[in-house]
Amino acid sequence: MPIIINIDVMLAKRKMQSQELAEKIGITQANLSILKNGKAKAIKISTLEAICTALECQPGDILEFKP
């Protein structure tokens, strides 16, 4: 998959657990897991914004393109 999701990297940098992030952004831990594992077909801009707000980062810190 050419789009790499680096949520785990940012979680580690912020010393935050997945469960805490899921609660802060208002999604289930199962849906967060789908995002983290790169199995999601799409991500809403509002969800990406909430993740960036909670992790104090930019979208480019989370999403990476590798051809």
N, C-alpha and C. Protein backbone atom coordinates (compact mmCIF):
# COMPACT_ATOMS: atom_id res chain seq x y z
N MET A 1 0.85 -1.19 0.00
CA MET A 1 0.00 0.00 0.00
C MET A 1 0.89 1.24 0.00
N PRO A 2 0.71 2.13 -0.96
CA PRO A 2 1.60 3.28 -1.07
C PRO A 2 1.40 4.35 0.01
N ILE A 3 0.25 4.39 0.68
CA ILE A 3 0.04 5.36 1.76
C ILE A 3 0.32 4.65 3.09
N ILE A 4 1.28 5.17 3.83
CA ILE A 4 1.67 4.60 5.11
C ILE A 4 1.08 5.48 6.21
N ILE A 5 0.45 4.84 7.19
CA ILE A 5 -0.15 5.54 8.33
C ILE A 5 0.80 5.42 9.51
N ASN A 6 1.28 6.54 10.01
CA ASN A 6 2.27 6.55 11.09
C ASN A 6 1.68 6.97 12.44
N ILE A 7 0.46 6.54 12.72
CA ILE A 7 -0.16 6.90 14.00
C ILE A 7 0.62 6.31 15.15
N ASP A 8 1.09 5.07 15.02
CA ASP A 8 1.87 4.43 16.10
C ASP A 8 3.13 5.22 16.43
N VAL A 9 3.78 5.75 15.40
CA VAL A 9 5.00 6.53 15.61
C VAL A 9 4.68 7.77 16.44
N MET A 10 3.61 8.46 16.06
CA MET A 10 3.24 9.68 16.78
C MET A 10 2.75 9.36 18.20
N LEU A 11 2.04 8.25 18.35
CA LEU A 11 1.61 7.84 19.70
C LEU A 11 2.83 7.62 20.59
N ALA A 12 3.85 6.96 20.07
CA ALA A 12 5.06 6.71 20.85
C ALA A 12 5.77 8.02 21.20
N LYS A 13 5.85 8.93 20.23
CA LYS A 13 6.50 10.22 20.48
C LYS A 13 5.77 11.01 21.55
N ARG A 14 4.46 10.89 21.58
CA ARG A 14 3.66 11.64 22.55
C ARG A 14 3.40 10.86 23.84
N LYS A 15 3.93 9.63 23.90
CA LYS A 15 3.74 8.76 25.07
C LYS A 15 2.26 8.61 25.41
N MET A 16 1.48 8.31 24.37
CA MET A 16 0.04 8.15 24.51
C MET A 16 -0.35 6.76 24.04
N GLN A 17 -1.36 6.19 24.67
CA GLN A 17 -1.85 4.87 24.27
C GLN A 17 -2.99 5.03 23.27
N SER A 18 -3.20 3.98 22.49
CA SER A 18 -4.26 3.99 21.47
C SER A 18 -5.62 4.28 22.09
N GLN A 19 -5.89 3.67 23.22
CA GLN A 19 -7.19 3.85 23.87
C GLN A 19 -7.42 5.31 24.23
N GLU A 20 -6.40 5.98 24.72
CA GLU A 20 -6.52 7.39 25.08
C GLU A 20 -6.80 8.24 23.84
N LEU A 21 -6.10 7.95 22.74
CA LEU A 21 -6.33 8.69 21.50
C LEU A 21 -7.75 8.46 20.99
N ALA A 22 -8.19 7.22 20.99
CA ALA A 22 -9.54 6.89 20.52
C ALA A 22 -10.59 7.68 21.31
N GLU A 23 -10.41 7.75 22.63
CA GLU A 23 -11.35 8.49 23.47
C GLU A 23 -11.31 9.98 23.14
N LYS A 24 -10.11 10.53 22.95
CA LYS A 24 -9.98 11.97 22.68
C LYS A 24 -10.61 12.36 21.36
N ILE A 25 -10.51 11.49 20.35
CA ILE A 25 -11.02 11.86 19.02
C ILE A 25 -12.42 11.34 18.76
N GLY A 26 -12.96 10.53 19.67
CA GLY A 26 -14.35 10.09 19.57
C GLY A 26 -14.60 8.98 18.57
N ILE A 27 -13.63 8.06 18.41
CA ILE A 27 -13.88 6.88 17.59
C ILE A 27 -13.59 5.64 18.44
N THR A 28 -14.07 4.50 17.97
CA THR A 28 -13.83 3.27 18.72
C THR A 28 -12.38 2.84 18.56
N GLN A 29 -11.93 2.04 19.50
CA GLN A 29 -10.57 1.53 19.42
C GLN A 29 -10.42 0.61 18.21
N ALA A 30 -11.50 -0.09 17.85
CA ALA A 30 -11.47 -0.96 16.67
C ALA A 30 -11.25 -0.14 15.40
N ASN A 31 -11.95 0.99 15.27
CA ASN A 31 -11.77 1.84 14.09
C ASN A 31 -10.38 2.47 14.06
N LEU A 32 -9.85 2.83 15.22
CA LEU A 32 -8.50 3.37 15.28
C LEU A 32 -7.49 2.30 14.85
N SER A 33 -7.73 1.08 15.26
CA SER A 33 -6.86 -0.03 14.87
C SER A 33 -6.87 -0.24 13.36
N ILE A 34 -8.03 -0.12 12.75
CA ILE A 34 -8.15 -0.25 11.29
C ILE A 34 -7.33 0.85 10.60
N LEU A 35 -7.38 2.06 11.14
CA LEU A 35 -6.58 3.16 10.59
C LEU A 35 -5.08 2.88 10.76
N LYS A 36 -4.70 2.48 11.97
CA LYS A 36 -3.29 2.26 12.26
C LYS A 36 -2.69 1.15 11.40
N ASN A 37 -3.47 0.13 11.11
CA ASN A 37 -2.98 -1.01 10.35
C ASN A 37 -3.03 -0.79 8.84
N GLY A 38 -3.51 0.38 8.42
CA GLY A 38 -3.56 0.69 7.00
C GLY A 38 -4.65 -0.05 6.25
N LYS A 39 -5.64 -0.56 6.95
CA LYS A 39 -6.72 -1.32 6.31
C LYS A 39 -7.92 -0.44 5.97
N ALA A 40 -7.88 0.82 6.36
CA ALA A 40 -8.98 1.74 6.07
C ALA A 40 -8.96 2.13 4.60
N LYS A 41 -10.12 2.22 4.00
CA LYS A 41 -10.23 2.64 2.60
C LYS A 41 -10.24 4.16 2.46
N ALA A 42 -10.61 4.84 3.56
CA ALA A 42 -10.71 6.30 3.53
C ALA A 42 -10.60 6.82 4.96
N ILE A 43 -10.31 8.11 5.07
CA ILE A 43 -10.31 8.78 6.37
C ILE A 43 -10.97 10.14 6.19
N LYS A 44 -11.88 10.45 7.07
CA LYS A 44 -12.55 11.74 7.00
C LYS A 44 -11.58 12.84 7.41
N ILE A 45 -11.71 13.97 6.78
CA ILE A 45 -10.87 15.12 7.12
C ILE A 45 -11.08 15.51 8.58
N SER A 46 -12.30 15.42 9.07
CA SER A 46 -12.57 15.77 10.47
C SER A 46 -11.86 14.81 11.42
N THR A 47 -11.75 13.53 11.05
CA THR A 47 -11.04 12.56 11.87
C THR A 47 -9.55 12.86 11.85
N LEU A 48 -9.02 13.16 10.68
CA LEU A 48 -7.60 13.51 10.56
C LEU A 48 -7.30 14.77 11.38
N GLU A 49 -8.19 15.73 11.31
CA GLU A 49 -8.02 16.96 12.09
C GLU A 49 -8.02 16.66 13.59
N ALA A 50 -8.92 15.79 14.03
CA ALA A 50 -9.00 15.43 15.45
C ALA A 50 -7.74 14.70 15.90
N ILE A 51 -7.22 13.82 15.05
CA ILE A 51 -5.98 13.11 15.37
C ILE A 51 -4.82 14.09 15.49
N CYS A 52 -4.72 15.00 14.54
CA CYS A 52 -3.64 16.00 14.56
C CYS A 52 -3.75 16.91 15.78
N THR A 53 -4.95 17.27 16.14
CA THR A 53 -5.16 18.11 17.33
C THR A 53 -4.74 17.36 18.58
N ALA A 54 -5.18 16.11 18.72
CA ALA A 54 -4.88 15.31 19.91
C ALA A 54 -3.38 15.01 20.03
N LEU A 55 -2.73 14.77 18.89
CA LEU A 55 -1.31 14.42 18.91
C LEU A 55 -0.39 15.62 18.69
N GLU A 56 -0.99 16.81 18.51
CA GLU A 56 -0.24 18.04 18.28
C GLU A 56 0.79 17.84 17.15
N CYS A 57 0.27 17.48 15.98
CA CYS A 57 1.14 17.23 14.84
C CYS A 57 0.47 17.70 13.55
N GLN A 58 1.15 17.54 12.45
CA GLN A 58 0.64 17.90 11.13
C GLN A 58 0.20 16.63 10.41
N PRO A 59 -0.71 16.73 9.43
CA PRO A 59 -1.13 15.55 8.68
C PRO A 59 0.05 14.80 8.06
N GLY A 60 1.09 15.52 7.64
CA GLY A 60 2.27 14.89 7.06
C GLY A 60 3.06 14.05 8.05
N ASP A 61 2.84 14.28 9.34
CA ASP A 61 3.49 13.45 10.36
C ASP A 61 2.80 12.09 10.46
N ILE A 62 1.56 12.02 10.01
CA ILE A 62 0.77 10.79 10.13
C ILE A 62 0.70 10.04 8.80
N LEU A 63 0.55 10.78 7.72
CA LEU A 63 0.41 10.16 6.39
C LEU A 63 1.70 10.29 5.60
N GLU A 64 2.10 9.18 4.99
CA GLU A 64 3.33 9.15 4.20
C GLU A 64 3.06 8.39 2.90
N PHE A 65 3.54 8.90 1.79
CA PHE A 65 3.37 8.25 0.50
C PHE A 65 4.66 7.57 0.10
N LYS A 66 4.58 6.28 -0.19
CA LYS A 66 5.72 5.51 -0.69
C LYS A 66 5.30 4.78 -1.95
N PRO A 67 5.78 5.21 -3.10
CA PRO A 67 5.37 4.56 -4.36
C PRO A 67 5.92 3.13 -4.46
